[in-house]
Amino acid sequence: MKKPLVYTERWAKDTSFSIDIKTHIHHEKSPFQTIDFYDSETFGRFFTLDGLMMVNEKDEFIYHDMISHVPMAVNPDIKRVLIIGGGDGGTAREIARYSHIESIDMVEIDERVVRLSEQFLPQTASTLSNDSRIHLHFKDGVEFVQNTPENTYDLILVDSTDPIGPGEGLFTEAFYKNCYKSLNAKGILINQHESPYFERDKIQMVRAHQRIKSTFPIAKVYQFNMPTYPSGHWLFGFASKHYDPINHHQKDVWESFGLYTKYYNSNLHEAAFQLPTYVLEALNHDA
């Protein structure tokens, strides 16, 4: 009997996550990273970068709901948005659901991720070529915000990979300071904030939080459950020049938009910022 193809990701030195795959659809090495697309029974189609799970059809709604709708429920008047990374298109898809959004700049260093996602993962990427408000920039996000004029954006979403390879520069203090400069007086920054569970991810989580906290007057962290990311316990950072994510939560305004969201809801919004003790203890210590 033929052995099934198996995708395996190492979560820790003695812990792995595996998925039986039906088909290995595509493999290539771009100038930046190795890109693979697979089909599986349980998680549907998914893709990996350098062997690490990025997006799959079954649970992508969790990540994209929580990176997008939390800030929109704090400042429902957001109109100009910058997405850094997010090559699968899911974050842009969710932001584009708001009819009052005027402009979405999406800066992805690797054009091949976008083009392959459009080809193989239309569930997340189909909006990218069908909404005139979305402007694709195939550039380095670090350089993009460095060259962005002051007060340009209402919201910056850093939908990045882990702080290795192409994503490394998106976790530095200099980058966060340039994001601060690029945001207007009420601007919000949301960043992919790693996980508190395994030591490797925890170290990066703490470093990112300390750097953001030294840059923004308001810096908080919220959590969500992502089954196919290491440990399943993952975080986003919320930083702002003005808005507190709980005190300024505009529940009624957000609900008036009438958007159906499969994971996010108004009760979950405030609950997501209530972190376990071990996470709070880690965030309150220097890396």
C-alpha atoms as a PDB file:
ATOM      1  CA  MET A   1       0.000   0.000   0.000  1.00  0.00           C
ATOM      2  CA  LYS A   2       1.346   3.398  -1.013  1.00  0.00           C
ATOM      3  CA  LYS A   3       2.259   5.645   1.912  1.00  0.00           C
ATOM      4  CA  PRO A   4       0.393   8.968   1.971  1.00  0.00           C
ATOM      5  CA  LEU A   5       2.229  12.201   1.343  1.00  0.00           C
ATOM      6  CA  VAL A   6       2.657  14.061   4.617  1.00  0.00           C
ATOM      7  CA  TYR A   7       3.343  17.719   5.343  1.00  0.00           C
ATOM      8  CA  THR A   8       5.155  18.132   8.669  1.00  0.00           C
ATOM      9  CA  GLU A   9       6.090  21.313  10.506  1.00  0.00           C
ATOM     10  CA  ARG A  10       8.415  21.283  13.491  1.00  0.00           C
ATOM     11  CA  TRP A  11       6.846  23.317  16.321  1.00  0.00           C
ATOM     12  CA  ALA A  12       9.573  22.598  18.884  1.00  0.00           C
ATOM     13  CA  LYS A  13      12.624  20.346  18.969  1.00  0.00           C
ATOM     14  CA  ASP A  14      10.494  17.399  20.107  1.00  0.00           C
ATOM     15  CA  THR A  15       7.075  18.429  18.744  1.00  0.00           C
ATOM     16  CA  SER A  16       5.709  18.316  15.212  1.00  0.00           C
ATOM     17  CA  PHE A  17       2.418  19.012  13.424  1.00  0.00           C
ATOM     18  CA  SER A  18       1.504  16.876  10.403  1.00  0.00           C
ATOM     19  CA  ILE A  19      -1.202  16.776   7.737  1.00  0.00           C
ATOM     20  CA  ASP A  20      -1.780  13.961   5.254  1.00  0.00           C
ATOM     21  CA  ILE A  21      -1.930  15.587   1.841  1.00  0.00           C
ATOM     22  CA  LYS A  22      -3.812  14.447  -1.222  1.00  0.00           C
ATOM     23  CA  THR A  23      -1.817  16.434  -3.773  1.00  0.00           C
ATOM     24  CA  HIS A  24       1.285  18.569  -3.805  1.00  0.00           C
ATOM     25  CA  ILE A  25      -0.033  21.162  -6.232  1.00  0.00           C
ATOM     26  CA  HIS A  26       2.871  23.521  -6.699  1.00  0.00           C
ATOM     27  CA  HIS A  27       6.477  24.052  -5.613  1.00  0.00           C
ATOM     28  CA  GLU A  28       8.853  26.866  -6.489  1.00  0.00           C
ATOM     29  CA  LYS A  29      11.646  28.976  -5.081  1.00  0.00           C
ATOM     30  CA  SER A  30      11.143  32.683  -5.516  1.00  0.00           C
ATOM     31  CA  PRO A  31      13.994  35.166  -4.991  1.00  0.00           C
ATOM     32  CA  PHE A  32      12.810  35.425  -1.362  1.00  0.00           C
ATOM     33  CA  GLN A  33      11.497  32.048  -0.178  1.00  0.00           C
ATOM     34  CA  THR A  34      10.254  28.566  -1.014  1.00  0.00           C
ATOM     35  CA  ILE A  35       6.528  28.414  -1.817  1.00  0.00           C
ATOM     36  CA  ASP A  36       4.389  25.250  -1.752  1.00  0.00           C
ATOM     37  CA  PHE A  37       0.671  24.628  -2.252  1.00  0.00           C
ATOM     38  CA  TYR A  38      -1.062  21.434  -1.128  1.00  0.00           C
ATOM     39  CA  ASP A  39      -4.524  19.881  -1.037  1.00  0.00           C
ATOM     40  CA  SER A  40      -5.697  18.011   2.067  1.00  0.00           C
ATOM     41  CA  GLU A  41      -8.957  16.468   3.224  1.00  0.00           C
ATOM     42  CA  THR A  42      -9.316  18.173   6.599  1.00  0.00           C
ATOM     43  CA  PHE A  43      -7.808  21.614   5.988  1.00  0.00           C
ATOM     44  CA  GLY A  44      -8.543  21.920   2.281  1.00  0.00           C
ATOM     45  CA  ARG A  45      -6.003  23.763   0.210  1.00  0.00           C
ATOM     46  CA  PHE A  46      -3.089  25.369   2.043  1.00  0.00           C
ATOM     47  CA  PHE A  47       0.233  26.967   1.328  1.00  0.00           C
ATOM     48  CA  THR A  48       3.548  27.158   3.122  1.00  0.00           C
ATOM     49  CA  LEU A  49       6.549  29.480   2.989  1.00  0.00           C
ATOM     50  CA  ASP A  50       9.894  27.883   3.729  1.00  0.00           C
ATOM     51  CA  GLY A  51       8.007  24.891   5.091  1.00  0.00           C
ATOM     52  CA  LEU A  52       5.833  26.857   7.545  1.00  0.00           C
ATOM     53  CA  MET A  53       2.035  26.954   7.403  1.00  0.00           C
ATOM     54  CA  MET A  54       0.691  30.298   6.241  1.00  0.00           C
ATOM     55  CA  VAL A  55      -2.937  29.895   5.208  1.00  0.00           C
ATOM     56  CA  ASN A  56      -5.427  27.088   4.751  1.00  0.00           C
ATOM     57  CA  GLU A  57      -9.027  27.088   3.608  1.00  0.00           C
ATOM     58  CA  LYS A  58     -10.458  25.701   6.836  1.00  0.00           C
ATOM     59  CA  ASP A  59      -9.229  28.166   9.465  1.00  0.00           C
ATOM     60  CA  GLU A  60      -8.036  31.254   7.558  1.00  0.00           C
ATOM     61  CA  PHE A  61     -11.203  33.122   8.598  1.00  0.00           C
ATOM     62  CA  ILE A  62      -9.986  33.191  12.220  1.00  0.00           C
ATOM     63  CA  TYR A  63      -6.759  35.054  11.510  1.00  0.00           C
ATOM     64  CA  HIS A  64      -8.274  37.409   8.955  1.00  0.00           C
ATOM     65  CA  ASP A  65     -11.281  38.256  11.133  1.00  0.00           C
ATOM     66  CA  MET A  66      -9.108  39.141  14.102  1.00  0.00           C
ATOM     67  CA  ILE A  67      -6.499  41.220  12.301  1.00  0.00           C
ATOM     68  CA  SER A  68      -9.135  43.221  10.410  1.00  0.00           C
ATOM     69  CA  HIS A  69     -12.315  43.721  12.413  1.00  0.00           C
ATOM     70  CA  VAL A  70     -10.853  44.521  15.842  1.00  0.00           C
ATOM     71  CA  PRO A  71      -9.425  47.896  14.715  1.00  0.00           C
ATOM     72  CA  MET A  72     -12.477  48.647  12.575  1.00  0.00           C
ATOM     73  CA  ALA A  73     -14.686  48.249  15.657  1.00  0.00           C
ATOM     74  CA  VAL A  74     -12.491  50.687  17.594  1.00  0.00           C
ATOM     75  CA  ASN A  75     -12.412  53.343  14.871  1.00  0.00           C
ATOM     76  CA  PRO A  76     -15.241  52.712  12.396  1.00  0.00           C
ATOM     77  CA  ASP A  77     -14.245  55.890  10.506  1.00  0.00           C
ATOM     78  CA  ILE A  78     -11.022  54.374   9.146  1.00  0.00           C
ATOM     79  CA  LYS A  79     -10.679  55.201   5.451  1.00  0.00           C
ATOM     80  CA  ARG A  80      -7.020  54.815   4.411  1.00  0.00           C
ATOM     81  CA  VAL A  81      -5.371  51.471   5.166  1.00  0.00           C
ATOM     82  CA  LEU A  82      -1.887  50.071   4.652  1.00  0.00           C
ATOM     83  CA  ILE A  83      -1.368  46.298   4.695  1.00  0.00           C
ATOM     84  CA  ILE A  84       2.222  45.098   4.910  1.00  0.00           C
ATOM     85  CA  GLY A  85       2.551  41.491   3.806  1.00  0.00           C
ATOM     86  CA  GLY A  86      -0.724  39.644   3.506  1.00  0.00           C
ATOM     87  CA  GLY A  87       0.125  38.190   0.109  1.00  0.00           C
ATOM     88  CA  ASP A  88      -2.628  35.582   0.340  1.00  0.00           C
ATOM     89  CA  GLY A  89      -5.162  38.441   0.125  1.00  0.00           C
ATOM     90  CA  GLY A  90      -7.334  37.497   3.092  1.00  0.00           C
ATOM     91  CA  THR A  91      -6.695  40.655   5.100  1.00  0.00           C
ATOM     92  CA  ALA A  92      -7.406  42.889   2.101  1.00  0.00           C
ATOM     93  CA  ARG A  93     -10.571  40.876   1.447  1.00  0.00           C
ATOM     94  CA  GLU A  94     -11.907  41.589   4.941  1.00  0.00           C
ATOM     95  CA  ILE A  95     -11.008  45.295   4.949  1.00  0.00           C
ATOM     96  CA  ALA A  96     -12.582  45.716   1.509  1.00  0.00           C
ATOM     97  CA  ARG A  97     -15.926  44.559   2.922  1.00  0.00           C
ATOM     98  CA  TYR A  98     -16.304  48.033   4.450  1.00  0.00           C
ATOM     99  CA  SER A  99     -17.854  50.209   1.733  1.00  0.00           C
ATOM    100  CA  HIS A 100     -16.560  53.447   3.294  1.00  0.00           C
ATOM    101  CA  ILE A 101     -12.901  52.437   2.974  1.00  0.00           C
ATOM    102  CA  GLU A 102     -11.332  54.728   0.389  1.00  0.00           C
ATOM    103  CA  SER A 103      -7.911  53.202  -0.233  1.00  0.00           C
ATOM    104  CA  ILE A 104      -6.026  50.001   0.616  1.00  0.00           C
ATOM    105  CA  ASP A 105      -2.294  49.915  -0.125  1.00  0.00           C
ATOM    106  CA  MET A 106      -0.963  46.369   0.092  1.00  0.00           C
ATOM    107  CA  VAL A 107       2.814  46.051   0.192  1.00  0.00           C
ATOM    108  CA  GLU A 108       4.093  42.515  -0.409  1.00  0.00           C
ATOM    109  CA  ILE A 109       7.777  41.913  -1.045  1.00  0.00           C
ATOM    110  CA  ASP A 110       7.204  38.691  -3.004  1.00  0.00           C
ATOM    111  CA  GLU A 111       4.923  39.070  -6.025  1.00  0.00           C
ATOM    112  CA  ARG A 112       4.936  35.305  -6.557  1.00  0.00           C
ATOM    113  CA  VAL A 113       3.006  34.774  -3.300  1.00  0.00           C
ATOM    114  CA  VAL A 114       0.236  37.040  -4.582  1.00  0.00           C
ATOM    115  CA  ARG A 115       0.100  35.594  -8.080  1.00  0.00           C
ATOM    116  CA  LEU A 116       0.147  31.989  -6.885  1.00  0.00           C
ATOM    117  CA  SER A 117      -2.526  32.737  -4.276  1.00  0.00           C
ATOM    118  CA  GLU A 118      -4.702  34.255  -7.002  1.00  0.00           C
ATOM    119  CA  GLN A 119      -4.216  31.072  -9.001  1.00  0.00           C
ATOM    120  CA  PHE A 120      -4.494  28.424  -6.303  1.00  0.00           C
ATOM    121  CA  LEU A 121      -6.266  30.087  -3.350  1.00  0.00           C
ATOM    122  CA  PRO A 122      -9.069  32.296  -4.698  1.00  0.00           C
ATOM    123  CA  GLN A 123     -10.936  31.960  -1.381  1.00  0.00           C
ATOM    124  CA  THR A 124      -8.570  34.575   0.036  1.00  0.00           C
ATOM    125  CA  ALA A 125      -7.027  36.241  -3.014  1.00  0.00           C
ATOM    126  CA  SER A 126      -9.896  36.831  -5.465  1.00  0.00           C
ATOM    127  CA  THR A 127     -10.642  40.336  -4.155  1.00  0.00           C
ATOM    128  CA  LEU A 128      -7.151  41.608  -4.999  1.00  0.00           C
ATOM    129  CA  SER A 129      -7.879  42.070  -8.700  1.00  0.00           C
ATOM    130  CA  ASN A 130     -11.585  42.874  -8.324  1.00  0.00           C
ATOM    131  CA  ASP A 131     -11.576  45.980  -6.133  1.00  0.00           C
ATOM    132  CA  SER A 132     -10.240  49.262  -7.509  1.00  0.00           C
ATOM    133  CA  ARG A 133      -9.501  50.526  -3.986  1.00  0.00           C
ATOM    134  CA  ILE A 134      -6.765  47.902  -3.540  1.00  0.00           C
ATOM    135  CA  HIS A 135      -3.356  49.025  -4.783  1.00  0.00           C
ATOM    136  CA  LEU A 136      -0.619  46.376  -4.911  1.00  0.00           C
ATOM    137  CA  HIS A 137       2.989  47.386  -4.296  1.00  0.00           C
ATOM    138  CA  PHE A 138       5.614  44.686  -4.722  1.00  0.00           C
ATOM    139  CA  LYS A 139       8.210  46.276  -2.494  1.00  0.00           C
ATOM    140  CA  ASP A 140       9.966  45.873   0.826  1.00  0.00           C
ATOM    141  CA  GLY A 141       7.522  46.958   3.552  1.00  0.00           C
ATOM    142  CA  VAL A 142      10.356  48.328   5.694  1.00  0.00           C
ATOM    143  CA  GLU A 143      11.450  50.701   2.933  1.00  0.00           C
ATOM    144  CA  PHE A 144       7.841  51.561   2.055  1.00  0.00           C
ATOM    145  CA  VAL A 145       6.961  52.923   5.495  1.00  0.00           C
ATOM    146  CA  GLN A 146      10.358  54.601   5.763  1.00  0.00           C
ATOM    147  CA  ASN A 147       9.463  56.616   2.645  1.00  0.00           C
ATOM    148  CA  THR A 148       5.793  57.202   3.517  1.00  0.00           C
ATOM    149  CA  PRO A 149       4.894  60.827   4.355  1.00  0.00           C
ATOM    150  CA  GLU A 150       3.714  61.627   7.857  1.00  0.00           C
ATOM    151  CA  ASN A 151       0.026  61.221   8.750  1.00  0.00           C
ATOM    152  CA  THR A 152      -0.805  59.185   5.644  1.00  0.00           C
ATOM    153  CA  TYR A 153      -2.822  56.277   7.078  1.00  0.00           C
ATOM    154  CA  ASP A 154      -5.616  55.660   9.568  1.00  0.00           C
ATOM    155  CA  LEU A 155      -4.655  52.007   9.992  1.00  0.00           C
ATOM    156  CA  ILE A 156      -1.576  49.875   9.352  1.00  0.00           C
ATOM    157  CA  LEU A 157      -1.933  46.081   9.425  1.00  0.00           C
ATOM    158  CA  VAL A 158       1.336  44.161   9.599  1.00  0.00           C
ATOM    159  CA  ASP A 159       0.307  40.759   8.267  1.00  0.00           C
ATOM    160  CA  SER A 160       3.792  39.307   8.337  1.00  0.00           C
ATOM    161  CA  THR A 161       5.545  35.987   8.483  1.00  0.00           C
ATOM    162  CA  ASP A 162       7.722  35.105  11.482  1.00  0.00           C
ATOM    163  CA  PRO A 163      10.747  37.368  12.161  1.00  0.00           C
ATOM    164  CA  ILE A 164      13.068  35.339   9.957  1.00  0.00           C
ATOM    165  CA  GLY A 165      13.885  35.778   6.286  1.00  0.00           C
ATOM    166  CA  PRO A 166      11.750  38.402   4.489  1.00  0.00           C
ATOM    167  CA  GLY A 167       9.762  39.172   7.657  1.00  0.00           C
ATOM    168  CA  GLU A 168      12.725  39.942   9.920  1.00  0.00           C
ATOM    169  CA  GLY A 169      12.739  43.714   9.374  1.00  0.00           C
ATOM    170  CA  LEU A 170       9.065  44.008  10.325  1.00  0.00           C
ATOM    171  CA  PHE A 171       9.843  43.364  14.021  1.00  0.00           C
ATOM    172  CA  THR A 172      12.416  46.112  14.620  1.00  0.00           C
ATOM    173  CA  GLU A 173      12.112  49.304  16.636  1.00  0.00           C
ATOM    174  CA  ALA A 174      13.023  51.379  13.569  1.00  0.00           C
ATOM    175  CA  PHE A 175      10.155  49.835  11.629  1.00  0.00           C
ATOM    176  CA  TYR A 176       7.631  50.554  14.391  1.00  0.00           C
ATOM    177  CA  LYS A 177       8.825  54.159  14.597  1.00  0.00           C
ATOM    178  CA  ASN A 178       8.288  54.558  10.867  1.00  0.00           C
ATOM    179  CA  CYS A 179       4.798  53.099  11.253  1.00  0.00           C
ATOM    180  CA  TYR A 180       4.140  55.658  13.999  1.00  0.00           C
ATOM    181  CA  LYS A 181       5.258  58.443  11.673  1.00  0.00           C
ATOM    182  CA  SER A 182       3.099  57.144   8.822  1.00  0.00           C
ATOM    183  CA  LEU A 183      -0.077  57.095  10.928  1.00  0.00           C
ATOM    184  CA  ASN A 184      -2.248  60.136  11.565  1.00  0.00           C
ATOM    185  CA  ALA A 185      -3.033  61.512  15.037  1.00  0.00           C
ATOM    186  CA  LYS A 186      -5.614  58.774  15.727  1.00  0.00           C
ATOM    187  CA  GLY A 187      -3.831  56.024  13.825  1.00  0.00           C
ATOM    188  CA  ILE A 188      -3.882  52.336  14.783  1.00  0.00           C
ATOM    189  CA  LEU A 189      -1.236  49.664  14.200  1.00  0.00           C
ATOM    190  CA  ILE A 190      -2.058  45.940  14.317  1.00  0.00           C
ATOM    191  CA  ASN A 191       0.836  43.509  14.077  1.00  0.00           C
ATOM    192  CA  GLN A 192       1.214  39.755  13.936  1.00  0.00           C
ATOM    193  CA  HIS A 193       2.592  39.203  17.421  1.00  0.00           C
ATOM    194  CA  GLU A 194       3.692  35.564  17.539  1.00  0.00           C
ATOM    195  CA  SER A 195       2.742  33.047  20.258  1.00  0.00           C
ATOM    196  CA  PRO A 196       3.376  32.959  24.010  1.00  0.00           C
ATOM    197  CA  TYR A 197       3.666  29.180  24.235  1.00  0.00           C
ATOM    198  CA  PHE A 198       6.836  27.736  22.698  1.00  0.00           C
ATOM    199  CA  GLU A 199      10.044  29.434  23.800  1.00  0.00           C
ATOM    200  CA  ARG A 200      11.241  30.484  20.334  1.00  0.00           C
ATOM    201  CA  ASP A 201       7.967  32.267  19.575  1.00  0.00           C
ATOM    202  CA  LYS A 202       7.684  33.683  23.095  1.00  0.00           C
ATOM    203  CA  ILE A 203      11.043  35.447  22.817  1.00  0.00           C
ATOM    204  CA  GLN A 204       9.949  37.197  19.630  1.00  0.00           C
ATOM    205  CA  MET A 205       6.581  38.066  21.177  1.00  0.00           C
ATOM    206  CA  VAL A 206       8.213  39.811  24.131  1.00  0.00           C
ATOM    207  CA  ARG A 207      10.738  41.665  21.962  1.00  0.00           C
ATOM    208  CA  ALA A 208       8.028  42.954  19.633  1.00  0.00           C
ATOM    209  CA  HIS A 209       5.883  44.117  22.535  1.00  0.00           C
ATOM    210  CA  GLN A 210       8.709  45.969  24.238  1.00  0.00           C
ATOM    211  CA  ARG A 211       9.638  47.772  21.024  1.00  0.00           C
ATOM    212  CA  ILE A 212       6.049  48.767  20.254  1.00  0.00           C
ATOM    213  CA  LYS A 213       5.423  49.847  23.845  1.00  0.00           C
ATOM    214  CA  SER A 214       8.441  52.161  23.662  1.00  0.00           C
ATOM    215  CA  THR A 215       7.042  53.738  20.481  1.00  0.00           C
ATOM    216  CA  PHE A 216       3.265  54.069  20.983  1.00  0.00           C
ATOM    217  CA  PRO A 217       1.453  55.562  24.007  1.00  0.00           C
ATOM    218  CA  ILE A 218      -1.125  52.764  23.838  1.00  0.00           C
ATOM    219  CA  ALA A 219       0.171  49.211  23.287  1.00  0.00           C
ATOM    220  CA  LYS A 220      -1.913  46.167  24.128  1.00  0.00           C
ATOM    221  CA  VAL A 221      -2.084  42.539  23.066  1.00  0.00           C
ATOM    222  CA  TYR A 222      -5.040  40.335  22.180  1.00  0.00           C
ATOM    223  CA  GLN A 223      -5.361  36.626  21.537  1.00  0.00           C
ATOM    224  CA  PHE A 224      -7.102  34.188  19.220  1.00  0.00           C
ATOM    225  CA  ASN A 225      -7.143  30.447  18.631  1.00  0.00           C
ATOM    226  CA  MET A 226      -5.414  29.402  15.420  1.00  0.00           C
ATOM    227  CA  PRO A 227      -5.439  25.587  15.141  1.00  0.00           C
ATOM    228  CA  THR A 228      -2.686  25.260  12.527  1.00  0.00           C
ATOM    229  CA  TYR A 229      -0.178  27.697  14.075  1.00  0.00           C
ATOM    230  CA  PRO A 230       2.253  26.429  16.720  1.00  0.00           C
ATOM    231  CA  SER A 231       0.373  25.644  19.969  1.00  0.00           C
ATOM    232  CA  GLY A 232      -2.874  27.056  18.535  1.00  0.00           C
ATOM    233  CA  HIS A 233      -2.550  30.085  20.830  1.00  0.00           C
ATOM    234  CA  TRP A 234      -1.612  33.173  18.811  1.00  0.00           C
ATOM    235  CA  LEU A 235      -1.525  36.921  19.389  1.00  0.00           C
ATOM    236  CA  PHE A 236      -1.937  40.272  17.682  1.00  0.00           C
ATOM    237  CA  GLY A 237      -0.592  43.564  18.961  1.00  0.00           C
ATOM    238  CA  PHE A 238      -2.822  46.649  19.084  1.00  0.00           C
ATOM    239  CA  ALA A 239      -1.000  49.990  19.200  1.00  0.00           C
ATOM    240  CA  SER A 240      -2.376  53.481  18.775  1.00  0.00           C
ATOM    241  CA  LYS A 241      -1.650  57.153  19.250  1.00  0.00           C
ATOM    242  CA  HIS A 242      -5.171  57.750  20.580  1.00  0.00           C
ATOM    243  CA  TYR A 243      -7.538  54.768  20.771  1.00  0.00           C
ATOM    244  CA  ASP A 244      -7.769  52.287  23.609  1.00  0.00           C
ATOM    245  CA  PRO A 245      -9.173  49.050  22.163  1.00  0.00           C
ATOM    246  CA  ILE A 246     -11.597  48.480  25.048  1.00  0.00           C
ATOM    247  CA  ASN A 247     -12.502  51.989  26.211  1.00  0.00           C
ATOM    248  CA  HIS A 248     -13.098  53.125  22.633  1.00  0.00           C
ATOM    249  CA  HIS A 249     -14.824  49.960  21.434  1.00  0.00           C
ATOM    250  CA  GLN A 250     -17.720  51.206  19.274  1.00  0.00           C
ATOM    251  CA  LYS A 251     -19.855  48.080  19.388  1.00  0.00           C
ATOM    252  CA  ASP A 252     -23.100  49.601  18.120  1.00  0.00           C
ATOM    253  CA  VAL A 253     -21.490  51.397  15.197  1.00  0.00           C
ATOM    254  CA  TRP A 254     -19.613  48.291  14.083  1.00  0.00           C
ATOM    255  CA  GLU A 255     -22.710  46.120  14.359  1.00  0.00           C
ATOM    256  CA  SER A 256     -24.650  48.634  12.241  1.00  0.00           C
ATOM    257  CA  PHE A 257     -22.448  47.669   9.275  1.00  0.00           C
ATOM    258  CA  GLY A 258     -24.228  44.301   9.227  1.00  0.00           C
ATOM    259  CA  LEU A 259     -21.149  42.238   8.401  1.00  0.00           C
ATOM    260  CA  TYR A 260     -21.289  38.513   9.037  1.00  0.00           C
ATOM    261  CA  THR A 261     -18.052  37.326  10.659  1.00  0.00           C
ATOM    262  CA  LYS A 262     -17.497  33.668  11.374  1.00  0.00           C
ATOM    263  CA  TYR A 263     -15.096  34.173  14.315  1.00  0.00           C
ATOM    264  CA  TYR A 264     -15.119  37.790  15.460  1.00  0.00           C
ATOM    265  CA  ASN A 265     -18.047  39.307  17.356  1.00  0.00           C
ATOM    266  CA  SER A 266     -18.593  42.211  19.753  1.00  0.00           C
ATOM    267  CA  ASN A 267     -18.496  40.086  22.917  1.00  0.00           C
ATOM    268  CA  LEU A 268     -15.303  38.405  21.778  1.00  0.00           C
ATOM    269  CA  HIS A 269     -13.700  41.802  21.103  1.00  0.00           C
ATOM    270  CA  GLU A 270     -13.246  42.765  24.733  1.00  0.00           C
ATOM    271  CA  ALA A 271     -12.672  39.213  25.909  1.00  0.00           C
ATOM    272  CA  ALA A 272      -9.739  38.795  23.506  1.00  0.00           C
ATOM    273  CA  PHE A 273      -7.751  41.391  25.460  1.00  0.00           C
ATOM    274  CA  GLN A 274      -8.111  39.432  28.732  1.00  0.00           C
ATOM    275  CA  LEU A 275      -4.881  37.462  28.678  1.00  0.00           C
ATOM    276  CA  PRO A 276      -3.799  34.436  30.743  1.00  0.00           C
ATOM    277  CA  THR A 277      -1.447  35.070  33.646  1.00  0.00           C
ATOM    278  CA  TYR A 278       1.550  33.411  31.991  1.00  0.00           C
ATOM    279  CA  VAL A 279       1.187  35.689  28.957  1.00  0.00           C
ATOM    280  CA  LEU A 280       0.906  38.823  31.096  1.00  0.00           C
ATOM    281  CA  GLU A 281       3.971  37.808  33.073  1.00  0.00           C
ATOM    282  CA  ALA A 282       5.974  37.297  29.887  1.00  0.00           C
ATOM    283  CA  LEU A 283       4.875  40.604  28.362  1.00  0.00           C
ATOM    284  CA  ASN A 284       5.862  42.468  31.516  1.00  0.00           C
ATOM    285  CA  HIS A 285       9.448  41.221  31.399  1.00  0.00           C
ATOM    286  CA  ASP A 286      12.183  42.457  29.127  1.00  0.00           C
ATOM    287  CA  ALA A 287      13.362  40.105  26.395  1.00  0.00           C
END
